[in-house]
């Protein structure tokens, strides 16, 4: 049977969802600014350390010692204070995005995993600080019966996020490797001793290496978990597609949609979004790929025997 309907449909966004979208954007922007601040300070110290290695005879030993002390203090501040501050803001951003998607997908709120929702007053306060383009008044959903539309949208979110985060983790690891090689080559050209290399370059770069390793590890782990959950969800949907009119199968898939949403929340709470410039760099190609992938997923479910008509109601008793 050929289905001529479009692959997606437009679901309107009410004012409550619009405020949640704005508040989520503001909270994620704060997380990004904190990450950018940590990166800027770490990069400045690491750059100063490289200068100390290259111009060791000019800068002198007092400068190197001072730089090393500052590097150690910054590494401690990163480990003890700034990371916790960023984690709290990241948790709030994840809660706000969870509130939006739970309402959009009409899923129950998981109090055990997420705790309490952000209060409406705080949502409005954050929403009022939004300064970007007005959010869209609609949201694209796969043109599938419930809960397959929710699951297909979650699968797109999982796979897209997995690709972006894995790509960013690779760039971070490449940058750390390049910086380490640059420091070693500079030390070799200057005939620096191991002690000078450690004091002048390794210690000032400690904060940047800690930040880079944490970013690489967290983004890779999130990408791996997202890919695993997406694969399981797709396989389960394809297996149960022919029986989607069965009420028990429908309830089972609704439970799975809530479990997949739990994994999305956990991944967002674990690692921040990639920088906006990095996301936009690949957005056109990624958007084309995953829009086509969503249409292909819909065709696969229909070919597997998914019934697009509503389940018939039992006749009324006379």
C-alpha atoms as a PDB file:
ATOM      1  CA  UNK A   1       0.000   0.000   0.000  1.00  0.00           C
ATOM      2  CA  UNK A   2       1.332   3.413  -1.017  1.00  0.00           C
ATOM      3  CA  UNK A   3       1.006   6.281   1.442  1.00  0.00           C
ATOM      4  CA  UNK A   4       0.865   9.638  -0.331  1.00  0.00           C
ATOM      5  CA  UNK A   5       0.830  11.804   2.768  1.00  0.00           C
ATOM      6  CA  UNK A   6       3.839  14.061   3.520  1.00  0.00           C
ATOM      7  CA  UNK A   7       6.576  12.623   5.718  1.00  0.00           C
ATOM      8  CA  UNK A   8       6.109  15.285   8.415  1.00  0.00           C
ATOM      9  CA  UNK A   9       3.261  17.340   9.806  1.00  0.00           C
ATOM     10  CA  UNK A  10       3.297  20.680  11.593  1.00  0.00           C
ATOM     11  CA  UNK A  11       2.368  20.649  15.276  1.00  0.00           C
ATOM     12  CA  UNK A  12       1.571  24.131  16.634  1.00  0.00           C
ATOM     13  CA  UNK A  13       3.485  25.442  19.647  1.00  0.00           C
ATOM     14  CA  UNK A  14       1.378  27.118  22.318  1.00  0.00           C
ATOM     15  CA  UNK A  15       2.625  30.054  24.464  1.00  0.00           C
ATOM     16  CA  UNK A  16       3.732  27.748  27.296  1.00  0.00           C
ATOM     17  CA  UNK A  17       5.947  25.741  24.947  1.00  0.00           C
ATOM     18  CA  UNK A  18       7.259  28.951  23.406  1.00  0.00           C
ATOM     19  CA  UNK A  19       8.332  30.245  26.821  1.00  0.00           C
ATOM     20  CA  UNK A  20      10.033  26.921  27.548  1.00  0.00           C
ATOM     21  CA  UNK A  21      11.898  27.123  24.238  1.00  0.00           C
ATOM     22  CA  UNK A  22      13.140  30.611  25.044  1.00  0.00           C
ATOM     23  CA  UNK A  23      14.135  29.689  28.595  1.00  0.00           C
ATOM     24  CA  UNK A  24      15.957  26.593  27.350  1.00  0.00           C
ATOM     25  CA  UNK A  25      17.911  28.670  24.832  1.00  0.00           C
ATOM     26  CA  UNK A  26      18.899  31.178  27.540  1.00  0.00           C
ATOM     27  CA  UNK A  27      20.041  28.442  29.925  1.00  0.00           C
ATOM     28  CA  UNK A  28      22.062  26.624  27.259  1.00  0.00           C
ATOM     29  CA  UNK A  29      23.638  29.945  26.242  1.00  0.00           C
ATOM     30  CA  UNK A  30      24.816  30.412  29.826  1.00  0.00           C
ATOM     31  CA  UNK A  31      26.360  26.951  29.813  1.00  0.00           C
ATOM     32  CA  UNK A  32      28.169  27.781  26.583  1.00  0.00           C
ATOM     33  CA  UNK A  33      29.448  31.073  27.984  1.00  0.00           C
ATOM     34  CA  UNK A  34      30.813  29.307  31.053  1.00  0.00           C
ATOM     35  CA  UNK A  35      32.515  26.740  28.823  1.00  0.00           C
ATOM     36  CA  UNK A  36      33.945  29.524  26.648  1.00  0.00           C
ATOM     37  CA  UNK A  37      35.257  31.330  29.744  1.00  0.00           C
ATOM     38  CA  UNK A  38      37.001  28.201  30.993  1.00  0.00           C
ATOM     39  CA  UNK A  39      38.476  27.598  27.557  1.00  0.00           C
ATOM     40  CA  UNK A  40      39.682  31.200  27.200  1.00  0.00           C
ATOM     41  CA  UNK A  41      41.460  31.206  30.571  1.00  0.00           C
ATOM     42  CA  UNK A  42      42.967  27.765  29.979  1.00  0.00           C
ATOM     43  CA  UNK A  43      44.133  28.718  26.487  1.00  0.00           C
ATOM     44  CA  UNK A  44      45.651  31.981  27.741  1.00  0.00           C
ATOM     45  CA  UNK A  45      47.669  30.170  30.400  1.00  0.00           C
ATOM     46  CA  UNK A  46      48.723  27.475  27.952  1.00  0.00           C
ATOM     47  CA  UNK A  47      49.769  30.098  25.408  1.00  0.00           C
ATOM     48  CA  UNK A  48      51.781  31.941  28.041  1.00  0.00           C
ATOM     49  CA  UNK A  49      53.472  28.661  28.906  1.00  0.00           C
ATOM     50  CA  UNK A  50      54.416  28.107  25.282  1.00  0.00           C
ATOM     51  CA  UNK A  51      55.881  31.612  25.124  1.00  0.00           C
ATOM     52  CA  UNK A  52      57.851  30.871  28.289  1.00  0.00           C
ATOM     53  CA  UNK A  53      59.299  27.754  26.669  1.00  0.00           C
ATOM     54  CA  UNK A  54      60.195  29.506  23.425  1.00  0.00           C
ATOM     55  CA  UNK A  55      61.594  32.666  25.021  1.00  0.00           C
ATOM     56  CA  UNK A  56      62.892  31.113  28.205  1.00  0.00           C
ATOM     57  CA  UNK A  57      66.072  33.164  28.272  1.00  0.00           C
ATOM     58  CA  UNK A  58      64.134  36.421  27.888  1.00  0.00           C
ATOM     59  CA  UNK A  59      61.235  35.839  30.278  1.00  0.00           C
ATOM     60  CA  UNK A  60      63.405  34.459  33.051  1.00  0.00           C
ATOM     61  CA  UNK A  61      62.767  31.979  35.820  1.00  0.00           C
ATOM     62  CA  UNK A  62      60.531  34.187  38.044  1.00  0.00           C
ATOM     63  CA  UNK A  63      58.006  34.480  35.217  1.00  0.00           C
ATOM     64  CA  UNK A  64      57.987  30.711  34.707  1.00  0.00           C
ATOM     65  CA  UNK A  65      57.486  30.021  38.406  1.00  0.00           C
ATOM     66  CA  UNK A  66      54.681  32.581  38.636  1.00  0.00           C
ATOM     67  CA  UNK A  67      53.020  31.099  35.585  1.00  0.00           C
ATOM     68  CA  UNK A  68      53.267  27.605  37.056  1.00  0.00           C
ATOM     69  CA  UNK A  69      51.653  28.725  40.320  1.00  0.00           C
ATOM     70  CA  UNK A  70      48.817  30.383  38.412  1.00  0.00           C
ATOM     71  CA  UNK A  71      48.389  27.234  36.322  1.00  0.00           C
ATOM     72  CA  UNK A  72      48.093  25.047  39.414  1.00  0.00           C
ATOM     73  CA  UNK A  73      45.609  27.433  41.035  1.00  0.00           C
ATOM     74  CA  UNK A  74      43.519  27.530  37.873  1.00  0.00           C
ATOM     75  CA  UNK A  75      43.486  23.734  37.633  1.00  0.00           C
ATOM     76  CA  UNK A  76      42.268  23.559  41.250  1.00  0.00           C
ATOM     77  CA  UNK A  77      39.622  26.208  40.617  1.00  0.00           C
ATOM     78  CA  UNK A  78      38.451  24.306  37.546  1.00  0.00           C
ATOM     79  CA  UNK A  79      38.248  21.022  39.426  1.00  0.00           C
ATOM     80  CA  UNK A  80      36.577  22.323  42.588  1.00  0.00           C
ATOM     81  CA  UNK A  81      34.497  25.356  41.705  1.00  0.00           C
ATOM     82  CA  UNK A  82      33.827  26.219  38.096  1.00  0.00           C
ATOM     83  CA  UNK A  83      32.942  22.675  37.060  1.00  0.00           C
ATOM     84  CA  UNK A  84      30.253  22.483  39.763  1.00  0.00           C
ATOM     85  CA  UNK A  85      28.871  25.866  38.760  1.00  0.00           C
ATOM     86  CA  UNK A  86      28.643  24.766  35.139  1.00  0.00           C
ATOM     87  CA  UNK A  87      27.045  21.451  36.125  1.00  0.00           C
ATOM     88  CA  UNK A  88      24.255  23.234  37.998  1.00  0.00           C
ATOM     89  CA  UNK A  89      23.446  25.405  35.006  1.00  0.00           C
ATOM     90  CA  UNK A  90      23.635  22.381  32.717  1.00  0.00           C
ATOM     91  CA  UNK A  91      21.175  20.516  34.935  1.00  0.00           C
ATOM     92  CA  UNK A  92      18.700  23.382  34.726  1.00  0.00           C
ATOM     93  CA  UNK A  93      19.034  23.540  30.940  1.00  0.00           C
ATOM     94  CA  UNK A  94      18.354  19.798  30.718  1.00  0.00           C
ATOM     95  CA  UNK A  95      15.274  20.164  32.938  1.00  0.00           C
ATOM     96  CA  UNK A  96      13.895  22.961  30.778  1.00  0.00           C
ATOM     97  CA  UNK A  97      14.378  20.997  27.575  1.00  0.00           C
ATOM     98  CA  UNK A  98      12.814  17.959  29.225  1.00  0.00           C
ATOM     99  CA  UNK A  99       9.772  20.037  30.199  1.00  0.00           C
ATOM    100  CA  UNK A 100       9.378  21.208  26.615  1.00  0.00           C
ATOM    101  CA  UNK A 101       9.631  17.757  25.056  1.00  0.00           C
ATOM    102  CA  UNK A 102       7.433  16.072  27.658  1.00  0.00           C
ATOM    103  CA  UNK A 103       4.646  18.515  26.836  1.00  0.00           C
ATOM    104  CA  UNK A 104       5.262  18.323  23.095  1.00  0.00           C
ATOM    105  CA  UNK A 105       5.319  14.518  23.055  1.00  0.00           C
ATOM    106  CA  UNK A 106       2.585  14.225  25.711  1.00  0.00           C
ATOM    107  CA  UNK A 107       4.690  11.968  27.932  1.00  0.00           C
ATOM    108  CA  UNK A 108       4.454  11.647  31.732  1.00  0.00           C
ATOM    109  CA  UNK A 109       7.000  13.495  33.853  1.00  0.00           C
ATOM    110  CA  UNK A 110       9.555  11.202  35.536  1.00  0.00           C
ATOM    111  CA  UNK A 111       9.742  12.628  39.062  1.00  0.00           C
ATOM    112  CA  UNK A 112      12.180   9.947  40.241  1.00  0.00           C
ATOM    113  CA  UNK A 113      14.784  10.741  37.588  1.00  0.00           C
ATOM    114  CA  UNK A 114      14.242  14.458  37.009  1.00  0.00           C
ATOM    115  CA  UNK A 115      12.876  15.675  40.323  1.00  0.00           C
ATOM    116  CA  UNK A 116      10.637  18.743  40.269  1.00  0.00           C
ATOM    117  CA  UNK A 117      10.063  20.826  37.183  1.00  0.00           C
ATOM    118  CA  UNK A 118      11.330  24.390  36.946  1.00  0.00           C
ATOM    119  CA  UNK A 119       8.655  26.690  38.357  1.00  0.00           C
ATOM    120  CA  UNK A 120       6.583  28.717  35.851  1.00  0.00           C
ATOM    121  CA  UNK A 121       7.870  31.938  37.428  1.00  0.00           C
ATOM    122  CA  UNK A 122      11.498  30.969  36.782  1.00  0.00           C
ATOM    123  CA  UNK A 123      10.630  29.869  33.251  1.00  0.00           C
ATOM    124  CA  UNK A 124       9.059  33.255  32.521  1.00  0.00           C
ATOM    125  CA  UNK A 125      12.039  35.042  34.079  1.00  0.00           C
ATOM    126  CA  UNK A 126      14.499  33.178  31.861  1.00  0.00           C
ATOM    127  CA  UNK A 127      12.238  33.560  28.844  1.00  0.00           C
ATOM    128  CA  UNK A 128      12.222  37.340  29.272  1.00  0.00           C
ATOM    129  CA  UNK A 129      16.024  37.354  28.881  1.00  0.00           C
ATOM    130  CA  UNK A 130      15.880  35.753  25.445  1.00  0.00           C
ATOM    131  CA  UNK A 131      17.319  38.054  22.764  1.00  0.00           C
ATOM    132  CA  UNK A 132      17.475  35.840  19.691  1.00  0.00           C
ATOM    133  CA  UNK A 133      15.131  35.375  16.756  1.00  0.00           C
ATOM    134  CA  UNK A 134      11.506  34.582  17.670  1.00  0.00           C
ATOM    135  CA  UNK A 135      11.033  30.823  18.046  1.00  0.00           C
ATOM    136  CA  UNK A 136       8.973  28.995  15.480  1.00  0.00           C
ATOM    137  CA  UNK A 137       5.243  28.674  16.064  1.00  0.00           C
ATOM    138  CA  UNK A 138       5.236  25.047  14.943  1.00  0.00           C
ATOM    139  CA  UNK A 139       7.269  21.880  15.389  1.00  0.00           C
ATOM    140  CA  UNK A 140       7.776  19.208  12.753  1.00  0.00           C
ATOM    141  CA  UNK A 141       6.632  15.727  13.728  1.00  0.00           C
ATOM    142  CA  UNK A 142       6.757  12.536  11.638  1.00  0.00           C
ATOM    143  CA  UNK A 143       3.430  11.793   9.966  1.00  0.00           C
ATOM    144  CA  UNK A 144       2.932   8.534  11.855  1.00  0.00           C
ATOM    145  CA  UNK A 145       0.398   7.256  14.370  1.00  0.00           C
ATOM    146  CA  UNK A 146       1.216   7.662  18.032  1.00  0.00           C
ATOM    147  CA  UNK A 147       3.577   6.601  19.596  1.00  0.00           C
ATOM    148  CA  UNK A 148       5.586   5.913  16.437  1.00  0.00           C
ATOM    149  CA  UNK A 149       5.715   9.639  15.674  1.00  0.00           C
ATOM    150  CA  UNK A 150       7.278  10.337  19.074  1.00  0.00           C
ATOM    151  CA  UNK A 151       9.725   7.451  18.772  1.00  0.00           C
ATOM    152  CA  UNK A 152      10.797   8.449  15.255  1.00  0.00           C
ATOM    153  CA  UNK A 153      11.384  12.031  16.418  1.00  0.00           C
ATOM    154  CA  UNK A 154      13.419  10.765  19.371  1.00  0.00           C
ATOM    155  CA  UNK A 155      15.466   8.561  17.063  1.00  0.00           C
ATOM    156  CA  UNK A 156      16.289  11.541  14.862  1.00  0.00           C
ATOM    157  CA  UNK A 157      17.325  13.510  17.950  1.00  0.00           C
ATOM    158  CA  UNK A 158      19.493  10.653  19.192  1.00  0.00           C
ATOM    159  CA  UNK A 159      21.271  10.017  15.899  1.00  0.00           C
ATOM    160  CA  UNK A 160      21.822  13.698  15.087  1.00  0.00           C
ATOM    161  CA  UNK A 161      23.168  14.404  18.561  1.00  0.00           C
ATOM    162  CA  UNK A 162      25.408  11.350  18.368  1.00  0.00           C
ATOM    163  CA  UNK A 163      26.972  12.519  15.109  1.00  0.00           C
ATOM    164  CA  UNK A 164      27.538  16.100  16.293  1.00  0.00           C
ATOM    165  CA  UNK A 165      28.991  15.106  19.657  1.00  0.00           C
ATOM    166  CA  UNK A 166      31.261  12.421  18.228  1.00  0.00           C
ATOM    167  CA  UNK A 167      32.545  14.863  15.619  1.00  0.00           C
ATOM    168  CA  UNK A 168      33.233  17.492  18.280  1.00  0.00           C
ATOM    169  CA  UNK A 169      35.026  14.969  20.496  1.00  0.00           C
ATOM    170  CA  UNK A 170      37.326  14.083  17.609  1.00  0.00           C
ATOM    171  CA  UNK A 171      38.136  17.757  16.996  1.00  0.00           C
ATOM    172  CA  UNK A 172      38.918  18.294  20.695  1.00  0.00           C
ATOM    173  CA  UNK A 173      41.227  15.273  20.781  1.00  0.00           C
ATOM    174  CA  UNK A 174      42.965  16.430  17.605  1.00  0.00           C
ATOM    175  CA  UNK A 175      43.478  19.894  19.108  1.00  0.00           C
ATOM    176  CA  UNK A 176      44.932  18.468  22.339  1.00  0.00           C
ATOM    177  CA  UNK A 177      47.274  16.205  20.402  1.00  0.00           C
ATOM    178  CA  UNK A 178      48.407  19.087  18.207  1.00  0.00           C
ATOM    179  CA  UNK A 179      49.034  21.305  21.220  1.00  0.00           C
ATOM    180  CA  UNK A 180      51.078  18.614  22.961  1.00  0.00           C
ATOM    181  CA  UNK A 181      53.188  18.085  19.844  1.00  0.00           C
ATOM    182  CA  UNK A 182      53.697  21.840  19.453  1.00  0.00           C
ATOM    183  CA  UNK A 183      54.951  22.126  23.029  1.00  0.00           C
ATOM    184  CA  UNK A 184      57.357  19.225  22.626  1.00  0.00           C
ATOM    185  CA  UNK A 185      58.703  20.511  19.308  1.00  0.00           C
ATOM    186  CA  UNK A 186      59.205  23.987  20.775  1.00  0.00           C
ATOM    187  CA  UNK A 187      61.047  22.536  23.764  1.00  0.00           C
ATOM    188  CA  UNK A 188      63.283  20.486  21.462  1.00  0.00           C
ATOM    189  CA  UNK A 189      64.103  23.520  19.335  1.00  0.00           C
ATOM    190  CA  UNK A 190      65.042  25.491  22.452  1.00  0.00           C
ATOM    191  CA  UNK A 191      66.947  22.554  23.993  1.00  0.00           C
ATOM    192  CA  UNK A 192      64.847  22.907  27.148  1.00  0.00           C
ATOM    193  CA  UNK A 193      65.383  20.503  30.019  1.00  0.00           C
ATOM    194  CA  UNK A 194      62.612  18.217  31.225  1.00  0.00           C
ATOM    195  CA  UNK A 195      62.240  20.355  34.337  1.00  0.00           C
ATOM    196  CA  UNK A 196      61.881  23.532  32.291  1.00  0.00           C
ATOM    197  CA  UNK A 197      59.355  21.846  30.000  1.00  0.00           C
ATOM    198  CA  UNK A 198      57.306  20.693  32.960  1.00  0.00           C
ATOM    199  CA  UNK A 199      57.390  24.000  34.854  1.00  0.00           C
ATOM    200  CA  UNK A 200      57.063  26.352  31.885  1.00  0.00           C
ATOM    201  CA  UNK A 201      54.619  24.455  29.670  1.00  0.00           C
ATOM    202  CA  UNK A 202      53.037  21.347  31.230  1.00  0.00           C
ATOM    203  CA  UNK A 203      51.793  23.013  34.422  1.00  0.00           C
ATOM    204  CA  UNK A 204      50.325  26.120  32.708  1.00  0.00           C
ATOM    205  CA  UNK A 205      48.642  23.826  30.167  1.00  0.00           C
ATOM    206  CA  UNK A 206      47.208  21.573  32.882  1.00  0.00           C
ATOM    207  CA  UNK A 207      43.839  23.326  33.005  1.00  0.00           C
ATOM    208  CA  UNK A 208      43.416  23.152  29.242  1.00  0.00           C
ATOM    209  CA  UNK A 209      44.322  19.476  29.121  1.00  0.00           C
ATOM    210  CA  UNK A 210      41.875  18.711  31.943  1.00  0.00           C
ATOM    211  CA  UNK A 211      39.131  20.621  30.140  1.00  0.00           C
ATOM    212  CA  UNK A 212      39.931  18.960  26.827  1.00  0.00           C
ATOM    213  CA  UNK A 213      40.038  15.455  28.268  1.00  0.00           C
ATOM    214  CA  UNK A 214      36.772  15.932  30.164  1.00  0.00           C
ATOM    215  CA  UNK A 215      35.114  17.273  27.025  1.00  0.00           C
ATOM    216  CA  UNK A 216      36.399  14.416  24.871  1.00  0.00           C
ATOM    217  CA  UNK A 217      35.436  11.729  27.380  1.00  0.00           C
ATOM    218  CA  UNK A 218      31.952  13.081  28.099  1.00  0.00           C
ATOM    219  CA  UNK A 219      31.019  13.781  24.482  1.00  0.00           C
ATOM    220  CA  UNK A 220      32.247  10.379  23.297  1.00  0.00           C
ATOM    221  CA  UNK A 221      30.338   8.579  26.024  1.00  0.00           C
ATOM    222  CA  UNK A 222      27.149  10.515  25.284  1.00  0.00           C
ATOM    223  CA  UNK A 223      27.527   9.828  21.555  1.00  0.00           C
ATOM    224  CA  UNK A 224      27.991   6.104  22.187  1.00  0.00           C
ATOM    225  CA  UNK A 225      24.963   5.898  24.491  1.00  0.00           C
ATOM    226  CA  UNK A 226      22.786   7.810  22.041  1.00  0.00           C
ATOM    227  CA  UNK A 227      23.742   5.527  19.168  1.00  0.00           C
ATOM    228  CA  UNK A 228      23.027   2.423  21.254  1.00  0.00           C
ATOM    229  CA  UNK A 229      19.592   3.641  22.378  1.00  0.00           C
ATOM    230  CA  UNK A 230      18.697   4.773  18.858  1.00  0.00           C
ATOM    231  CA  UNK A 231      19.563   1.375  17.401  1.00  0.00           C
ATOM    232  CA  UNK A 232      17.467  -0.449  19.979  1.00  0.00           C
ATOM    233  CA  UNK A 233      14.494   1.882  19.502  1.00  0.00           C
ATOM    234  CA  UNK A 234      14.545   1.494  15.723  1.00  0.00           C
ATOM    235  CA  UNK A 235      14.765  -2.279  15.886  1.00  0.00           C
ATOM    236  CA  UNK A 236      11.923  -2.452  18.407  1.00  0.00           C
ATOM    237  CA  UNK A 237       9.691  -0.198  16.314  1.00  0.00           C
ATOM    238  CA  UNK A 238      10.311  -2.234  13.151  1.00  0.00           C
ATOM    239  CA  UNK A 239       9.507  -5.455  14.997  1.00  0.00           C
ATOM    240  CA  UNK A 240       6.241  -4.190  16.512  1.00  0.00           C
ATOM    241  CA  UNK A 241       5.047  -2.089  13.560  1.00  0.00           C
ATOM    242  CA  UNK A 242       2.637  -4.743  12.166  1.00  0.00           C
ATOM    243  CA  UNK A 243       0.901  -5.015  15.559  1.00  0.00           C
ATOM    244  CA  UNK A 244       0.510  -1.310  16.283  1.00  0.00           C
ATOM    245  CA  UNK A 245      -3.285  -1.614  16.524  1.00  0.00           C
ATOM    246  CA  UNK A 246      -2.909  -3.951  19.505  1.00  0.00           C
ATOM    247  CA  UNK A 247      -3.538  -1.905  22.698  1.00  0.00           C
ATOM    248  CA  UNK A 248      -0.912  -3.854  24.635  1.00  0.00           C
ATOM    249  CA  UNK A 249       1.724  -3.204  21.971  1.00  0.00           C
ATOM    250  CA  UNK A 250       0.774   0.461  21.979  1.00  0.00           C
ATOM    251  CA  UNK A 251       1.231   0.686  25.749  1.00  0.00           C
ATOM    252  CA  UNK A 252       4.568  -1.107  25.510  1.00  0.00           C
ATOM    253  CA  UNK A 253       5.816   1.391  22.928  1.00  0.00           C
ATOM    254  CA  UNK A 254       4.600   4.316  25.037  1.00  0.00           C
ATOM    255  CA  UNK A 255       6.629   2.966  27.956  1.00  0.00           C
ATOM    256  CA  UNK A 256       9.655   2.667  25.688  1.00  0.00           C
ATOM    257  CA  UNK A 257       9.188   6.266  24.533  1.00  0.00           C
ATOM    258  CA  UNK A 258       9.355   7.374  28.164  1.00  0.00           C
ATOM    259  CA  UNK A 259      12.516   5.296  28.692  1.00  0.00           C
ATOM    260  CA  UNK A 260      14.144   6.788  25.592  1.00  0.00           C
ATOM    261  CA  UNK A 261      13.249  10.246  26.869  1.00  0.00           C
ATOM    262  CA  UNK A 262      14.999   9.377  30.137  1.00  0.00           C
ATOM    263  CA  UNK A 263      18.176   8.615  28.210  1.00  0.00           C
ATOM    264  CA  UNK A 264      17.912  11.911  26.348  1.00  0.00           C
ATOM    265  CA  UNK A 265      17.634  13.758  29.651  1.00  0.00           C
ATOM    266  CA  UNK A 266      20.622  11.921  31.117  1.00  0.00           C
ATOM    267  CA  UNK A 267      22.787  12.684  28.084  1.00  0.00           C
ATOM    268  CA  UNK A 268      21.883  16.383  28.197  1.00  0.00           C
ATOM    269  CA  UNK A 269      22.633  16.554  31.894  1.00  0.00           C
ATOM    270  CA  UNK A 270      25.993  14.843  31.431  1.00  0.00           C
ATOM    271  CA  UNK A 271      27.580  17.005  28.727  1.00  0.00           C
ATOM    272  CA  UNK A 272      26.778  20.468  27.326  1.00  0.00           C
ATOM    273  CA  UNK A 273      25.838  21.158  23.758  1.00  0.00           C
ATOM    274  CA  UNK A 274      28.633  21.698  21.271  1.00  0.00           C
ATOM    275  CA  UNK A 275      29.516  25.353  20.543  1.00  0.00           C
ATOM    276  CA  UNK A 276      27.015  27.133  18.338  1.00  0.00           C
ATOM    277  CA  UNK A 277      29.591  27.974  15.663  1.00  0.00           C
ATOM    278  CA  UNK A 278      30.558  24.300  15.430  1.00  0.00           C
ATOM    279  CA  UNK A 279      26.942  23.182  15.122  1.00  0.00           C
ATOM    280  CA  UNK A 280      26.207  25.748  12.403  1.00  0.00           C
ATOM    281  CA  UNK A 281      29.346  24.768  10.508  1.00  0.00           C
ATOM    282  CA  UNK A 282      27.776  21.407   9.586  1.00  0.00           C
ATOM    283  CA  UNK A 283      24.085  22.265   9.979  1.00  0.00           C
ATOM    284  CA  UNK A 284      23.108  22.362   6.299  1.00  0.00           C
ATOM    285  CA  UNK A 285      24.499  18.926   5.501  1.00  0.00           C
ATOM    286  CA  UNK A 286      23.335  17.366   8.764  1.00  0.00           C
ATOM    287  CA  UNK A 287      19.831  18.786   8.390  1.00  0.00           C
ATOM    288  CA  UNK A 288      19.570  17.366   4.880  1.00  0.00           C
ATOM    289  CA  UNK A 289      20.840  13.957   6.000  1.00  0.00           C
ATOM    290  CA  UNK A 290      18.540  13.566   8.977  1.00  0.00           C
ATOM    291  CA  UNK A 291      15.464  14.987   7.249  1.00  0.00           C
ATOM    292  CA  UNK A 292      15.946  12.354   4.565  1.00  0.00           C
ATOM    293  CA  UNK A 293      16.603   9.794   7.285  1.00  0.00           C
ATOM    294  CA  UNK A 294      13.310  10.630   8.977  1.00  0.00           C
ATOM    295  CA  UNK A 295      11.421  10.104   5.716  1.00  0.00           C
ATOM    296  CA  UNK A 296      13.285   6.835   5.175  1.00  0.00           C
ATOM    297  CA  UNK A 297      12.426   5.657   8.695  1.00  0.00           C
ATOM    298  CA  UNK A 298       8.754   6.370   8.010  1.00  0.00           C
ATOM    299  CA  UNK A 299       8.886   4.405   4.747  1.00  0.00           C
ATOM    300  CA  UNK A 300      10.589   1.510   6.521  1.00  0.00           C
ATOM    301  CA  UNK A 301       7.865   1.326   9.166  1.00  0.00           C
ATOM    302  CA  UNK A 302       5.118   1.439   6.545  1.00  0.00           C
ATOM    303  CA  UNK A 303       6.852  -1.289   4.552  1.00  0.00           C
ATOM    304  CA  UNK A 304       7.115  -3.376   7.731  1.00  0.00           C
ATOM    305  CA  UNK A 305       3.315  -3.321   8.046  1.00  0.00           C
ATOM    306  CA  UNK A 306       2.547  -0.269  10.171  1.00  0.00           C
ATOM    307  CA  UNK A 307      -1.150   0.608  10.064  1.00  0.00           C
ATOM    308  CA  UNK A 308      -1.648   4.343   9.609  1.00  0.00           C
ATOM    309  CA  UNK A 309      -5.376   4.296  10.267  1.00  0.00           C
ATOM    310  CA  UNK A 310      -6.690   4.710  13.779  1.00  0.00           C
ATOM    311  CA  UNK A 311      -7.639   1.617  15.722  1.00  0.00           C
ATOM    312  CA  UNK A 312     -11.356   0.944  15.134  1.00  0.00           C
ATOM    313  CA  UNK A 313     -13.625   1.621  18.082  1.00  0.00           C
ATOM    314  CA  UNK A 314     -15.841  -1.210  19.319  1.00  0.00           C
ATOM    315  CA  UNK A 315     -19.505  -0.821  18.353  1.00  0.00           C
ATOM    316  CA  UNK A 316     -21.822   0.711  20.923  1.00  0.00           C
ATOM    317  CA  UNK A 317     -24.060  -1.678  22.758  1.00  0.00           C
ATOM    318  CA  UNK A 318     -27.751  -1.398  21.975  1.00  0.00           C
END
